[in-house]
């Protein structure tokens, strides 16, 4: 089991080994709790990387 990371959209902790979705942005892989969080992130990645994390789960 890998160290958990934070879903940049909803702020939920995610295990990278079992994350249901991931996205590569500017050479870094981001992991998501659900495909819907990945979809939101990919619409505007900078929105989620440049502001406070954890807006509430989007599932």
Protein backbone atom coordinates (compact mmCIF):
# COMPACT_ATOMS: atom_id res chain seq x y z
CA UNK A 1 0.00 0.00 0.00
CA UNK A 2 1.42 3.34 -1.08
CA UNK A 3 1.35 6.50 0.99
CA UNK A 4 -1.96 8.29 0.48
CA UNK A 5 -2.19 11.47 -1.57
CA UNK A 6 -4.86 14.17 -1.67
CA UNK A 7 -7.40 14.43 -4.49
CA UNK A 8 -6.90 18.07 -5.61
CA UNK A 9 -10.59 18.51 -6.39
CA UNK A 10 -12.34 17.30 -3.26
CA UNK A 11 -9.51 16.98 -0.73
CA UNK A 12 -10.16 13.30 -0.03
CA UNK A 13 -7.18 11.05 0.74
CA UNK A 14 -6.57 8.51 -2.03
CA UNK A 15 -4.29 5.47 -2.28
CA UNK A 16 -2.42 5.86 -5.60
CA UNK A 17 -2.33 2.07 -6.04
CA UNK A 18 -6.12 1.76 -6.00
CA UNK A 19 -7.31 5.22 -7.13
CA UNK A 20 -10.21 4.94 -9.57
CA UNK A 21 -8.81 7.74 -11.76
CA UNK A 22 -5.56 9.58 -12.46
CA UNK A 23 -4.38 12.36 -14.72
CA UNK A 24 -0.96 13.56 -15.88
CA UNK A 25 -0.61 17.34 -15.84
CA UNK A 26 2.68 19.11 -16.57
CA UNK A 27 4.59 15.90 -15.90
CA UNK A 28 3.01 15.16 -12.52
CA UNK A 29 0.40 12.47 -11.91
CA UNK A 30 -2.64 13.43 -9.84
CA UNK A 31 -4.95 10.82 -8.32
CA UNK A 32 -8.70 11.09 -7.79
CA UNK A 33 -11.35 9.44 -5.64
CA UNK A 34 -13.74 9.17 -8.60
CA UNK A 35 -13.77 9.72 -12.37
CA UNK A 36 -15.98 12.77 -11.84
CA UNK A 37 -13.20 14.49 -9.84
CA UNK A 38 -10.75 13.72 -12.65
CA UNK A 39 -13.16 15.21 -15.20
CA UNK A 40 -13.54 18.41 -13.13
CA UNK A 41 -9.75 18.69 -12.72
CA UNK A 42 -9.10 18.29 -16.44
CA UNK A 43 -11.52 21.11 -17.30
CA UNK A 44 -9.32 23.64 -15.43
CA UNK A 45 -6.33 22.12 -13.59
CA UNK A 46 -4.90 25.45 -12.46
CA UNK A 47 -8.13 26.22 -10.59
CA UNK A 48 -7.52 23.23 -8.34
CA UNK A 49 -3.77 23.62 -8.01
CA UNK A 50 -3.65 27.33 -7.24
CA UNK A 51 -6.42 27.58 -4.61
CA UNK A 52 -7.28 25.90 -1.35
CA UNK A 53 -8.00 22.20 -1.54
CA UNK A 54 -11.09 20.30 -0.54
CA UNK A 55 -14.24 21.89 -1.92
CA UNK A 56 -16.30 18.84 -1.06
CA UNK A 57 -16.63 15.62 -2.97
CA UNK A 58 -18.09 15.88 -6.44
CA UNK A 59 -19.29 12.29 -6.76
